[in-house]
Amino acid sequence: MNNNTQTTQYYAQFFKCLSEPVRLRILFLLHKRGELCVCDLVDTLEISQSVVSRHLAYLRTHELLNSRREGAWIYYTLSDDHVFLNEVMNVFVKDGENSDQFLNDISRLSEPSNSCC
């Protein structure tokens, strides 16, 4: 496989990661908050833990997220090493601040607590 094919496949996978509304909502929240655990996302998005975890795993597998474990909980952040993601996120978040869905998510996202984590 030549370099052009690899580049094309890389970008196709990258944009496939962004093609799912739940993943976009997760990315928006992470960009706004910086770090969140699964329970924060479950409560905010009002989606089951298994669905949130599946999307987080997909984003992590494609190197868009970093994770760290603290006890039984895993915390997620956007990948700092992904220059293209950072560029796309800046444009996405700026435009997303006009989205009722994203603004509702932010308003439901409570301050971090130790209630579940």
PDB file of N, CA and C in Angstrom:
ATOM      1  N   MET A   1       0.850  -1.167   0.000  1.00  0.00           N
ATOM      2  CA  MET A   1       0.000   0.000   0.000  1.00  0.00           C
ATOM      3  C   MET A   1       0.904   1.241   0.000  1.00  0.00           C
ATOM      4  N   ASN A   2       0.622   2.188  -0.913  1.00  0.00           N
ATOM      5  CA  ASN A   2       1.465   3.374  -0.989  1.00  0.00           C
ATOM      6  C   ASN A   2       1.022   4.429   0.018  1.00  0.00           C
ATOM      7  N   ASN A   3       1.826   5.473   0.146  1.00  0.00           N
ATOM      8  CA  ASN A   3       1.577   6.518   1.128  1.00  0.00           C
ATOM      9  C   ASN A   3       0.265   7.254   0.870  1.00  0.00           C
ATOM     10  N   ASN A   4      -0.081   7.492  -0.402  1.00  0.00           N
ATOM     11  CA  ASN A   4      -1.341   8.174  -0.716  1.00  0.00           C
ATOM     12  C   ASN A   4      -2.538   7.361  -0.264  1.00  0.00           C
ATOM     13  N   THR A   5      -2.473   6.057  -0.442  1.00  0.00           N
ATOM     14  CA  THR A   5      -3.560   5.182  -0.006  1.00  0.00           C
ATOM     15  C   THR A   5      -3.675   5.194   1.509  1.00  0.00           C
ATOM     16  N   GLN A   6      -2.537   5.147   2.202  1.00  0.00           N
ATOM     17  CA  GLN A   6      -2.551   5.185   3.665  1.00  0.00           C
ATOM     18  C   GLN A   6      -3.121   6.501   4.173  1.00  0.00           C
ATOM     19  N   THR A   7      -2.747   7.593   3.539  1.00  0.00           N
ATOM     20  CA  THR A   7      -3.262   8.900   3.937  1.00  0.00           C
ATOM     21  C   THR A   7      -4.765   8.971   3.727  1.00  0.00           C
ATOM     22  N   THR A   8      -5.212   8.502   2.600  1.00  0.00           N
ATOM     23  CA  THR A   8      -6.645   8.507   2.303  1.00  0.00           C
ATOM     24  C   THR A   8      -7.401   7.664   3.319  1.00  0.00           C
ATOM     25  N   GLN A   9      -6.884   6.495   3.647  1.00  0.00           N
ATOM     26  CA  GLN A   9      -7.541   5.628   4.626  1.00  0.00           C
ATOM     27  C   GLN A   9      -7.532   6.258   6.017  1.00  0.00           C
ATOM     28  N   TYR A  10      -6.439   6.921   6.367  1.00  0.00           N
ATOM     29  CA  TYR A  10      -6.355   7.595   7.664  1.00  0.00           C
ATOM     30  C   TYR A  10      -7.459   8.640   7.782  1.00  0.00           C
ATOM     31  N   TYR A  11      -7.602   9.498   6.775  1.00  0.00           N
ATOM     32  CA  TYR A  11      -8.624  10.547   6.825  1.00  0.00           C
ATOM     33  C   TYR A  11     -10.029   9.966   6.757  1.00  0.00           C
ATOM     34  N   ALA A  12     -10.206   8.900   6.020  1.00  0.00           N
ATOM     35  CA  ALA A  12     -11.526   8.255   5.972  1.00  0.00           C
ATOM     36  C   ALA A  12     -11.899   7.741   7.361  1.00  0.00           C
ATOM     37  N   GLN A  13     -10.964   7.120   8.067  1.00  0.00           N
ATOM     38  CA  GLN A  13     -11.228   6.634   9.430  1.00  0.00           C
ATOM     39  C   GLN A  13     -11.467   7.791  10.391  1.00  0.00           C
ATOM     40  N   PHE A  14     -10.687   8.858  10.240  1.00  0.00           N
ATOM     41  CA  PHE A  14     -10.848  10.019  11.105  1.00  0.00           C
ATOM     42  C   PHE A  14     -12.259  10.592  10.967  1.00  0.00           C
ATOM     43  N   PHE A  15     -12.696  10.795   9.738  1.00  0.00           N
ATOM     44  CA  PHE A  15     -14.021  11.382   9.538  1.00  0.00           C
ATOM     45  C   PHE A  15     -15.139  10.400   9.879  1.00  0.00           C
ATOM     46  N   LYS A  16     -14.864   9.113   9.787  1.00  0.00           N
ATOM     47  CA  LYS A  16     -15.845   8.127  10.235  1.00  0.00           C
ATOM     48  C   LYS A  16     -16.049   8.253  11.752  1.00  0.00           C
ATOM     49  N   CYS A  17     -14.972   8.525  12.474  1.00  0.00           N
ATOM     50  CA  CYS A  17     -15.089   8.744  13.928  1.00  0.00           C
ATOM     51  C   CYS A  17     -16.012   9.910  14.228  1.00  0.00           C
ATOM     52  N   LEU A  18     -16.005  10.909  13.374  1.00  0.00           N
ATOM     53  CA  LEU A  18     -16.811  12.102  13.592  1.00  0.00           C
ATOM     54  C   LEU A  18     -18.217  11.983  13.020  1.00  0.00           C
ATOM     55  N   SER A  19     -18.520  10.868  12.387  1.00  0.00           N
ATOM     56  CA  SER A  19     -19.798  10.736  11.681  1.00  0.00           C
ATOM     57  C   SER A  19     -20.960  10.302  12.569  1.00  0.00           C
ATOM     58  N   GLU A  20     -20.711  10.064  13.831  1.00  0.00           N
ATOM     59  CA  GLU A  20     -21.738   9.590  14.759  1.00  0.00           C
ATOM     60  C   GLU A  20     -22.112  10.706  15.729  1.00  0.00           C
ATOM     61  N   PRO A  21     -23.390  11.084  15.801  1.00  0.00           N
ATOM     62  CA  PRO A  21     -23.798  12.189  16.683  1.00  0.00           C
ATOM     63  C   PRO A  21     -23.393  12.019  18.147  1.00  0.00           C
ATOM     64  N   VAL A  22     -23.467  10.827  18.696  1.00  0.00           N
ATOM     65  CA  VAL A  22     -23.075  10.629  20.099  1.00  0.00           C
ATOM     66  C   VAL A  22     -21.593  10.926  20.277  1.00  0.00           C
ATOM     67  N   ARG A  23     -20.774  10.498  19.339  1.00  0.00           N
ATOM     68  CA  ARG A  23     -19.333  10.773  19.446  1.00  0.00           C
ATOM     69  C   ARG A  23     -19.067  12.273  19.347  1.00  0.00           C
ATOM     70  N   LEU A  24     -19.805  12.979  18.505  1.00  0.00           N
ATOM     71  CA  LEU A  24     -19.640  14.429  18.416  1.00  0.00           C
ATOM     72  C   LEU A  24     -20.013  15.102  19.732  1.00  0.00           C
ATOM     73  N   ARG A  25     -21.077  14.632  20.343  1.00  0.00           N
ATOM     74  CA  ARG A  25     -21.491  15.190  21.628  1.00  0.00           C
ATOM     75  C   ARG A  25     -20.416  14.946  22.688  1.00  0.00           C
ATOM     76  N   ILE A  26     -19.842  13.746  22.701  1.00  0.00           N
ATOM     77  CA  ILE A  26     -18.773  13.419  23.646  1.00  0.00           C
ATOM     78  C   ILE A  26     -17.567  14.326  23.410  1.00  0.00           C
ATOM     79  N   LEU A  27     -17.162  14.471  22.161  1.00  0.00           N
ATOM     80  CA  LEU A  27     -16.008  15.311  21.840  1.00  0.00           C
ATOM     81  C   LEU A  27     -16.244  16.766  22.244  1.00  0.00           C
ATOM     82  N   PHE A  28     -17.442  17.263  22.002  1.00  0.00           N
ATOM     83  CA  PHE A  28     -17.775  18.640  22.378  1.00  0.00           C
ATOM     84  C   PHE A  28     -17.658  18.820  23.894  1.00  0.00           C
ATOM     85  N   LEU A  29     -18.225  17.897  24.649  1.00  0.00           N
ATOM     86  CA  LEU A  29     -18.161  17.988  26.109  1.00  0.00           C
ATOM     87  C   LEU A  29     -16.729  17.903  26.620  1.00  0.00           C
ATOM     88  N   LEU A  30     -15.944  17.011  26.040  1.00  0.00           N
ATOM     89  CA  LEU A  30     -14.549  16.883  26.462  1.00  0.00           C
ATOM     90  C   LEU A  30     -13.762  18.142  26.124  1.00  0.00           C
ATOM     91  N   HIS A  31     -14.042  18.721  24.990  1.00  0.00           N
ATOM     92  CA  HIS A  31     -13.354  19.962  24.621  1.00  0.00           C
ATOM     93  C   HIS A  31     -13.698  21.071  25.608  1.00  0.00           C
ATOM     94  N   LYS A  32     -14.960  21.156  26.012  1.00  0.00           N
ATOM     95  CA  LYS A  32     -15.397  22.198  26.938  1.00  0.00           C
ATOM     96  C   LYS A  32     -14.910  21.963  28.365  1.00  0.00           C
ATOM     97  N   ARG A  33     -14.923  20.719  28.820  1.00  0.00           N
ATOM     98  CA  ARG A  33     -14.605  20.416  30.221  1.00  0.00           C
ATOM     99  C   ARG A  33     -13.147  20.021  30.402  1.00  0.00           C
ATOM    100  N   GLY A  34     -12.559  19.378  29.426  1.00  0.00           N
ATOM    101  CA  GLY A  34     -11.165  18.959  29.549  1.00  0.00           C
ATOM    102  C   GLY A  34     -11.023  17.494  29.915  1.00  0.00           C
ATOM    103  N   GLU A  35     -11.681  17.065  30.973  1.00  0.00           N
ATOM    104  CA  GLU A  35     -11.604  15.666  31.398  1.00  0.00           C
ATOM    105  C   GLU A  35     -12.936  15.267  32.005  1.00  0.00           C
ATOM    106  N   LEU A  36     -13.405  14.091  31.604  1.00  0.00           N
ATOM    107  CA  LEU A  36     -14.665  13.555  32.133  1.00  0.00           C
ATOM    108  C   LEU A  36     -14.543  12.057  32.311  1.00  0.00           C
ATOM    109  N   CYS A  37     -15.292  11.542  33.285  1.00  0.00           N
ATOM    110  CA  CYS A  37     -15.361  10.088  33.447  1.00  0.00           C
ATOM    111  C   CYS A  37     -16.635   9.586  32.759  1.00  0.00           C
ATOM    112  N   VAL A  38     -16.736   8.296  32.625  1.00  0.00           N
ATOM    113  CA  VAL A  38     -17.887   7.683  31.960  1.00  0.00           C
ATOM    114  C   VAL A  38     -19.190   8.102  32.638  1.00  0.00           C
ATOM    115  N   CYS A  39     -19.211   8.118  33.966  1.00  0.00           N
ATOM    116  CA  CYS A  39     -20.458   8.449  34.666  1.00  0.00           C
ATOM    117  C   CYS A  39     -20.913   9.866  34.362  1.00  0.00           C
ATOM    118  N   ASP A  40     -19.966  10.816  34.200  1.00  0.00           N
ATOM    119  CA  ASP A  40     -20.345  12.181  33.822  1.00  0.00           C
ATOM    120  C   ASP A  40     -21.047  12.190  32.469  1.00  0.00           C
ATOM    121  N   LEU A  41     -20.501  11.439  31.536  1.00  0.00           N
ATOM    122  CA  LEU A  41     -21.066  11.389  30.189  1.00  0.00           C
ATOM    123  C   LEU A  41     -22.418  10.686  30.166  1.00  0.00           C
ATOM    124  N   VAL A  42     -22.541   9.601  30.923  1.00  0.00           N
ATOM    125  CA  VAL A  42     -23.816   8.871  30.996  1.00  0.00           C
ATOM    126  C   VAL A  42     -24.906   9.788  31.534  1.00  0.00           C
ATOM    127  N   ASP A  43     -24.620  10.487  32.624  1.00  0.00           N
ATOM    128  CA  ASP A  43     -25.609  11.385  33.227  1.00  0.00           C
ATOM    129  C   ASP A  43     -25.970  12.538  32.291  1.00  0.00           C
ATOM    130  N   THR A  44     -24.989  13.108  31.653  1.00  0.00           N
ATOM    131  CA  THR A  44     -25.211  14.267  30.803  1.00  0.00           C
ATOM    132  C   THR A  44     -25.941  13.903  29.511  1.00  0.00           C
ATOM    133  N   LEU A  45     -25.486  12.851  28.857  1.00  0.00           N
ATOM    134  CA  LEU A  45     -26.058  12.468  27.573  1.00  0.00           C
ATOM    135  C   LEU A  45     -27.356  11.683  27.713  1.00  0.00           C
ATOM    136  N   GLU A  46     -27.595  11.203  28.931  1.00  0.00           N
ATOM    137  CA  GLU A  46     -28.780  10.378  29.202  1.00  0.00           C
ATOM    138  C   GLU A  46     -28.847   9.166  28.265  1.00  0.00           C
ATOM    139  N   ILE A  47     -27.702   8.502  28.186  1.00  0.00           N
ATOM    140  CA  ILE A  47     -27.526   7.301  27.366  1.00  0.00           C
ATOM    141  C   ILE A  47     -26.921   6.240  28.272  1.00  0.00           C
ATOM    142  N   SER A  48     -27.183   4.985  27.983  1.00  0.00           N
ATOM    143  CA  SER A  48     -26.681   3.910  28.837  1.00  0.00           C
ATOM    144  C   SER A  48     -25.148   3.887  28.881  1.00  0.00           C
ATOM    145  N   GLN A  49     -24.656   3.346  29.985  1.00  0.00           N
ATOM    146  CA  GLN A  49     -23.211   3.236  30.177  1.00  0.00           C
ATOM    147  C   GLN A  49     -22.569   2.410  29.078  1.00  0.00           C
ATOM    148  N   SER A  50     -23.224   1.360  28.632  1.00  0.00           N
ATOM    149  CA  SER A  50     -22.632   0.508  27.593  1.00  0.00           C
ATOM    150  C   SER A  50     -22.487   1.246  26.264  1.00  0.00           C
ATOM    151  N   VAL A  51     -23.460   2.082  25.920  1.00  0.00           N
ATOM    152  CA  VAL A  51     -23.384   2.849  24.672  1.00  0.00           C
ATOM    153  C   VAL A  51     -22.272   3.894  24.762  1.00  0.00           C
ATOM    154  N   VAL A  52     -22.216   4.613  25.878  1.00  0.00           N
ATOM    155  CA  VAL A  52     -21.163   5.613  26.064  1.00  0.00           C
ATOM    156  C   VAL A  52     -19.791   4.946  26.024  1.00  0.00           C
ATOM    157  N   SER A  53     -19.638   3.844  26.715  1.00  0.00           N
ATOM    158  CA  SER A  53     -18.353   3.138  26.742  1.00  0.00           C
ATOM    159  C   SER A  53     -17.943   2.651  25.359  1.00  0.00           C
ATOM    160  N   ARG A  54     -18.903   2.184  24.592  1.00  0.00           N
ATOM    161  CA  ARG A  54     -18.601   1.715  23.224  1.00  0.00           C
ATOM    162  C   ARG A  54     -18.073   2.867  22.368  1.00  0.00           C
ATOM    163  N   HIS A  55     -18.697   4.028  22.474  1.00  0.00           N
ATOM    164  CA  HIS A  55     -18.239   5.184  21.693  1.00  0.00           C
ATOM    165  C   HIS A  55     -16.889   5.687  22.178  1.00  0.00           C
ATOM    166  N   LEU A  56     -16.679   5.687  23.478  1.00  0.00           N
ATOM    167  CA  LEU A  56     -15.378   6.080  24.020  1.00  0.00           C
ATOM    168  C   LEU A  56     -14.284   5.134  23.537  1.00  0.00           C
ATOM    169  N   ALA A  57     -14.561   3.852  23.545  1.00  0.00           N
ATOM    170  CA  ALA A  57     -13.579   2.866  23.078  1.00  0.00           C
ATOM    171  C   ALA A  57     -13.254   3.089  21.605  1.00  0.00           C
ATOM    172  N   TYR A  58     -14.265   3.383  20.814  1.00  0.00           N
ATOM    173  CA  TYR A  58     -14.056   3.635  19.384  1.00  0.00           C
ATOM    174  C   TYR A  58     -13.157   4.856  19.191  1.00  0.00           C
ATOM    175  N   LEU A  59     -13.438   5.927  19.912  1.00  0.00           N
ATOM    176  CA  LEU A  59     -12.621   7.137  19.802  1.00  0.00           C
ATOM    177  C   LEU A  59     -11.200   6.903  20.302  1.00  0.00           C
ATOM    178  N   ARG A  60     -11.072   6.128  21.359  1.00  0.00           N
ATOM    179  CA  ARG A  60      -9.743   5.833  21.905  1.00  0.00           C
ATOM    180  C   ARG A  60      -8.948   4.939  20.961  1.00  0.00           C
ATOM    181  N   THR A  61      -9.609   3.942  20.388  1.00  0.00           N
ATOM    182  CA  THR A  61      -8.944   3.047  19.442  1.00  0.00           C
ATOM    183  C   THR A  61      -8.380   3.819  18.248  1.00  0.00           C
ATOM    184  N   HIS A  62      -9.095   4.867  17.855  1.00  0.00           N
ATOM    185  CA  HIS A  62      -8.653   5.682  16.718  1.00  0.00           C
ATOM    186  C   HIS A  62      -7.807   6.877  17.159  1.00  0.00           C
ATOM    187  N   GLU A  63      -7.327   6.813  18.405  1.00  0.00           N
ATOM    188  CA  GLU A  63      -6.349   7.741  18.967  1.00  0.00           C
ATOM    189  C   GLU A  63      -6.842   9.188  19.042  1.00  0.00           C
ATOM    190  N   LEU A  64      -8.155   9.369  19.219  1.00  0.00           N
ATOM    191  CA  LEU A  64      -8.696  10.710  19.391  1.00  0.00           C
ATOM    192  C   LEU A  64      -8.825  11.074  20.870  1.00  0.00           C
ATOM    193  N   LEU A  65      -8.741  10.063  21.747  1.00  0.00           N
ATOM    194  CA  LEU A  65      -8.853  10.278  23.185  1.00  0.00           C
ATOM    195  C   LEU A  65      -7.679   9.651  23.921  1.00  0.00           C
ATOM    196  N   ASN A  66      -7.374  10.250  25.053  1.00  0.00           N
ATOM    197  CA  ASN A  66      -6.468   9.654  26.029  1.00  0.00           C
ATOM    198  C   ASN A  66      -7.317   9.241  27.217  1.00  0.00           C
ATOM    199  N   SER A  67      -6.835   8.280  27.972  1.00  0.00           N
ATOM    200  CA  SER A  67      -7.551   7.870  29.171  1.00  0.00           C
ATOM    201  C   SER A  67      -6.554   7.626  30.289  1.00  0.00           C
ATOM    202  N   ARG A  68      -7.075   7.762  31.500  1.00  0.00           N
ATOM    203  CA  ARG A  68      -6.281   7.426  32.683  1.00  0.00           C
ATOM    204  C   ARG A  68      -7.219   6.784  33.685  1.00  0.00           C
ATOM    205  N   ARG A  69      -6.676   5.836  34.425  1.00  0.00           N
ATOM    206  CA  ARG A  69      -7.464   5.126  35.425  1.00  0.00           C
ATOM    207  C   ARG A  69      -7.148   5.706  36.798  1.00  0.00           C
ATOM    208  N   GLU A  70      -8.214   5.899  37.567  1.00  0.00           N
ATOM    209  CA  GLU A  70      -8.077   6.307  38.960  1.00  0.00           C
ATOM    210  C   GLU A  70      -9.012   5.416  39.762  1.00  0.00           C
ATOM    211  N   GLY A  71      -8.437   4.451  40.419  1.00  0.00           N
ATOM    212  CA  GLY A  71      -9.249   3.461  41.125  1.00  0.00           C
ATOM    213  C   GLY A  71     -10.062   2.657  40.122  1.00  0.00           C
ATOM    214  N   ALA A  72     -11.352   2.608  40.325  1.00  0.00           N
ATOM    215  CA  ALA A  72     -12.229   1.848  39.429  1.00  0.00           C
ATOM    216  C   ALA A  72     -12.698   2.674  38.239  1.00  0.00           C
ATOM    217  N   TRP A  73     -12.354   3.959  38.194  1.00  0.00           N
ATOM    218  CA  TRP A  73     -12.900   4.858  37.188  1.00  0.00           C
ATOM    219  C   TRP A  73     -11.877   5.220  36.125  1.00  0.00           C
ATOM    220  N   ILE A  74     -12.365   5.425  34.919  1.00  0.00           N
ATOM    221  CA  ILE A  74     -11.509   5.843  33.816  1.00  0.00           C
ATOM    222  C   ILE A  74     -11.932   7.241  33.395  1.00  0.00           C
ATOM    223  N   TYR A  75     -10.960   8.121  33.273  1.00  0.00           N
ATOM    224  CA  TYR A  75     -11.187   9.498  32.874  1.00  0.00           C
ATOM    225  C   TYR A  75     -10.640   9.710  31.458  1.00  0.00           C
ATOM    226  N   TYR A  76     -11.366  10.484  30.679  1.00  0.00           N
ATOM    227  CA  TYR A  76     -11.026  10.693  29.272  1.00  0.00           C
ATOM    228  C   TYR A  76     -10.741  12.159  28.990  1.00  0.00           C
ATOM    229  N   THR A  77      -9.785  12.386  28.091  1.00  0.00           N
ATOM    230  CA  THR A  77      -9.464  13.713  27.573  1.00  0.00           C
ATOM    231  C   THR A  77      -9.240  13.589  26.073  1.00  0.00           C
ATOM    232  N   LEU A  78      -9.318  14.717  25.381  1.00  0.00           N
ATOM    233  CA  LEU A  78      -8.969  14.726  23.969  1.00  0.00           C
ATOM    234  C   LEU A  78      -7.474  14.519  23.824  1.00  0.00           C
ATOM    235  N   SER A  79      -7.083  13.851  22.770  1.00  0.00           N
ATOM    236  CA  SER A  79      -5.671  13.603  22.521  1.00  0.00           C
ATOM    237  C   SER A  79      -4.953  14.915  22.218  1.00  0.00           C
ATOM    238  N   ASP A  80      -3.887  15.182  22.953  1.00  0.00           N
ATOM    239  CA  ASP A  80      -3.071  16.373  22.698  1.00  0.00           C
ATOM    240  C   ASP A  80      -2.146  16.167  21.509  1.00  0.00           C
ATOM    241  N   ASP A  81      -1.871  14.915  21.193  1.00  0.00           N
ATOM    242  CA  ASP A  81      -0.907  14.593  20.148  1.00  0.00           C
ATOM    243  C   ASP A  81      -1.500  14.625  18.751  1.00  0.00           C
ATOM    244  N   HIS A  82      -2.784  14.829  18.651  1.00  0.00           N
ATOM    245  CA  HIS A  82      -3.474  14.738  17.374  1.00  0.00           C
ATOM    246  C   HIS A  82      -3.711  16.148  16.830  1.00  0.00           C
ATOM    247  N   VAL A  83      -2.742  16.663  16.064  1.00  0.00           N
ATOM    248  CA  VAL A  83      -2.783  18.039  15.582  1.00  0.00           C
ATOM    249  C   VAL A  83      -4.022  18.290  14.728  1.00  0.00           C
ATOM    250  N   PHE A  84      -4.323  17.375  13.831  1.00  0.00           N
ATOM    251  CA  PHE A  84      -5.484  17.559  12.955  1.00  0.00           C
ATOM    252  C   PHE A  84      -6.780  17.601  13.768  1.00  0.00           C
ATOM    253  N   LEU A  85      -6.897  16.744  14.777  1.00  0.00           N
ATOM    254  CA  LEU A  85      -8.074  16.762  15.645  1.00  0.00           C
ATOM    255  C   LEU A  85      -8.218  18.118  16.319  1.00  0.00           C
ATOM    256  N   ASN A  86      -7.131  18.664  16.823  1.00  0.00           N
ATOM    257  CA  ASN A  86      -7.185  19.966  17.490  1.00  0.00           C
ATOM    258  C   ASN A  86      -7.675  21.053  16.546  1.00  0.00           C
ATOM    259  N   GLU A  87      -7.212  21.026  15.317  1.00  0.00           N
ATOM    260  CA  GLU A  87      -7.657  22.009  14.315  1.00  0.00           C
ATOM    261  C   GLU A  87      -9.153  21.858  14.038  1.00  0.00           C
ATOM    262  N   VAL A  88      -9.587  20.638  13.812  1.00  0.00           N
ATOM    263  CA  VAL A  88     -10.997  20.378  13.528  1.00  0.00           C
ATOM    264  C   VAL A  88     -11.863  20.748  14.727  1.00  0.00           C
ATOM    265  N   MET A  89     -11.414  20.409  15.933  1.00  0.00           N
ATOM    266  CA  MET A  89     -12.192  20.697  17.140  1.00  0.00           C
ATOM    267  C   MET A  89     -12.382  22.202  17.347  1.00  0.00           C
ATOM    268  N   ASN A  90     -11.380  22.995  17.038  1.00  0.00           N
ATOM    269  CA  ASN A  90     -11.519  24.441  17.196  1.00  0.00           C
ATOM    270  C   ASN A  90     -12.645  24.982  16.324  1.00  0.00           C
ATOM    271  N   VAL A  91     -12.713  24.529  15.090  1.00  0.00           N
ATOM    272  CA  VAL A  91     -13.775  24.961  14.185  1.00  0.00           C
ATOM    273  C   VAL A  91     -15.114  24.378  14.631  1.00  0.00           C
ATOM    274  N   PHE A  92     -15.113  23.101  14.963  1.00  0.00           N
ATOM    275  CA  PHE A  92     -16.338  22.401  15.376  1.00  0.00           C
ATOM    276  C   PHE A  92     -16.958  23.044  16.618  1.00  0.00           C
ATOM    277  N   VAL A  93     -16.159  23.310  17.629  1.00  0.00           N
ATOM    278  CA  VAL A  93     -16.676  23.861  18.878  1.00  0.00           C
ATOM    279  C   VAL A  93     -17.197  25.282  18.661  1.00  0.00           C
ATOM    280  N   LYS A  94     -16.478  26.058  17.893  1.00  0.00           N
ATOM    281  CA  LYS A  94     -16.937  27.425  17.610  1.00  0.00           C
ATOM    282  C   LYS A  94     -18.319  27.395  16.953  1.00  0.00           C
ATOM    283  N   ASP A  95     -18.495  26.552  15.976  1.00  0.00           N
ATOM    284  CA  ASP A  95     -19.785  26.428  15.305  1.00  0.00           C
ATOM    285  C   ASP A  95     -20.805  25.734  16.208  1.00  0.00           C
ATOM    286  N   GLY A  96     -20.357  24.745  16.972  1.00  0.00           N
ATOM    287  CA  GLY A  96     -21.239  23.976  17.841  1.00  0.00           C
ATOM    288  C   GLY A  96     -21.848  24.784  18.969  1.00  0.00           C
ATOM    289  N   GLU A  97     -21.265  25.917  19.283  1.00  0.00           N
ATOM    290  CA  GLU A  97     -21.814  26.762  20.338  1.00  0.00           C
ATOM    291  C   GLU A  97     -23.138  27.410  19.929  1.00  0.00           C
ATOM    292  N   ASN A  98     -23.538  27.202  18.682  1.00  0.00           N
ATOM    293  CA  ASN A  98     -24.842  27.667  18.201  1.00  0.00           C
ATOM    294  C   ASN A  98     -25.851  26.522  18.132  1.00  0.00           C
ATOM    295  N   SER A  99     -25.455  25.350  18.572  1.00  0.00           N
ATOM    296  CA  SER A  99     -26.306  24.163  18.506  1.00  0.00           C
ATOM    297  C   SER A  99     -27.092  23.984  19.806  1.00  0.00           C
ATOM    298  N   ASP A 100     -28.401  23.888  19.685  1.00  0.00           N
ATOM    299  CA  ASP A 100     -29.225  23.654  20.871  1.00  0.00           C
ATOM    300  C   ASP A 100     -28.828  22.359  21.576  1.00  0.00           C
ATOM    301  N   GLN A 101     -28.554  21.298  20.805  1.00  0.00           N
ATOM    302  CA  GLN A 101     -28.191  20.006  21.396  1.00  0.00           C
ATOM    303  C   GLN A 101     -26.924  20.122  22.229  1.00  0.00           C
ATOM    304  N   PHE A 102     -25.883  20.729  21.682  1.00  0.00           N
ATOM    305  CA  PHE A 102     -24.619  20.851  22.406  1.00  0.00           C
ATOM    306  C   PHE A 102     -24.773  21.762  23.623  1.00  0.00           C
ATOM    307  N   LEU A 103     -25.507  22.847  23.477  1.00  0.00           N
ATOM    308  CA  LEU A 103     -25.721  23.757  24.608  1.00  0.00           C
ATOM    309  C   LEU A 103     -26.533  23.085  25.711  1.00  0.00           C
ATOM    310  N   ASN A 104     -27.510  22.276  25.344  1.00  0.00           N
ATOM    311  CA  ASN A 104     -28.270  21.509  26.339  1.00  0.00           C
ATOM    312  C   ASN A 104     -27.366  20.529  27.072  1.00  0.00           C
ATOM    313  N   ASP A 105     -26.481  19.867  26.329  1.00  0.00           N
ATOM    314  CA  ASP A 105     -25.538  18.939  26.961  1.00  0.00           C
ATOM    315  C   ASP A 105     -24.669  19.670  27.987  1.00  0.00           C
ATOM    316  N   ILE A 106     -24.142  20.824  27.597  1.00  0.00           N
ATOM    317  CA  ILE A 106     -23.287  21.592  28.507  1.00  0.00           C
ATOM    318  C   ILE A 106     -24.067  22.000  29.748  1.00  0.00           C
ATOM    319  N   SER A 107     -25.303  22.417  29.569  1.00  0.00           N
ATOM    320  CA  SER A 107     -26.093  22.847  30.729  1.00  0.00           C
ATOM    321  C   SER A 107     -26.416  21.676  31.661  1.00  0.00           C
ATOM    322  N   ARG A 108     -26.518  20.454  31.118  1.00  0.00           N
ATOM    323  CA  ARG A 108     -26.791  19.272  31.951  1.00  0.00           C
ATOM    324  C   ARG A 108     -25.535  18.729  32.619  1.00  0.00           C
ATOM    325  N   LEU A 109     -24.390  19.096  32.092  1.00  0.00           N
ATOM    326  CA  LEU A 109     -23.142  18.609  32.647  1.00  0.00           C
ATOM    327  C   LEU A 109     -22.882  19.313  33.964  1.00  0.00           C
ATOM    328  N   SER A 110     -23.065  18.579  35.038  1.00  0.00           N
ATOM    329  CA  SER A 110     -22.860  19.170  36.361  1.00  0.00           C
ATOM    330  C   SER A 110     -21.375  19.306  36.649  1.00  0.00           C
ATOM    331  N   GLU A 111     -21.099  20.060  37.647  1.00  0.00           N
ATOM    332  CA  GLU A 111     -19.722  20.183  38.096  1.00  0.00           C
ATOM    333  C   GLU A 111     -19.246  18.801  38.538  1.00  0.00           C
ATOM    334  N   PRO A 112     -17.966  18.510  38.308  1.00  0.00           N
ATOM    335  CA  PRO A 112     -17.458  17.201  38.724  1.00  0.00           C
ATOM    336  C   PRO A 112     -17.735  16.976  40.209  1.00  0.00           C
ATOM    337  N   SER A 113     -18.160  15.773  40.494  1.00  0.00           N
ATOM    338  CA  SER A 113     -18.423  15.435  41.896  1.00  0.00           C
ATOM    339  C   SER A 113     -17.849  14.060  42.166  1.00  0.00           C
ATOM    340  N   ASN A 114     -17.869  13.696  43.395  1.00  0.00           N
ATOM    341  CA  ASN A 114     -17.408  12.357  43.758  1.00  0.00           C
ATOM    342  C   ASN A 114     -18.577  11.411  43.989  1.00  0.00           C
ATOM    343  N   SER A 115     -19.747  11.798  43.499  1.00  0.00           N
ATOM    344  CA  SER A 115     -20.928  10.969  43.744  1.00  0.00           C
ATOM    345  C   SER A 115     -20.844   9.613  43.054  1.00  0.00           C
ATOM    346  N   CYS A 116     -20.241   9.576  41.887  1.00  0.00           N
ATOM    347  CA  CYS A 116     -20.136   8.301  41.196  1.00  0.00           C
ATOM    348  C   CYS A 116     -18.684   7.904  40.986  1.00  0.00           C
ATOM    349  N   CYS A 117     -17.816   8.819  41.140  1.00  0.00           N
ATOM    350  CA  CYS A 117     -16.411   8.544  40.815  1.00  0.00           C
ATOM    351  C   CYS A 117     -15.543   8.567  42.038  1.00  0.00           C
TER     352      CYS A 117
END
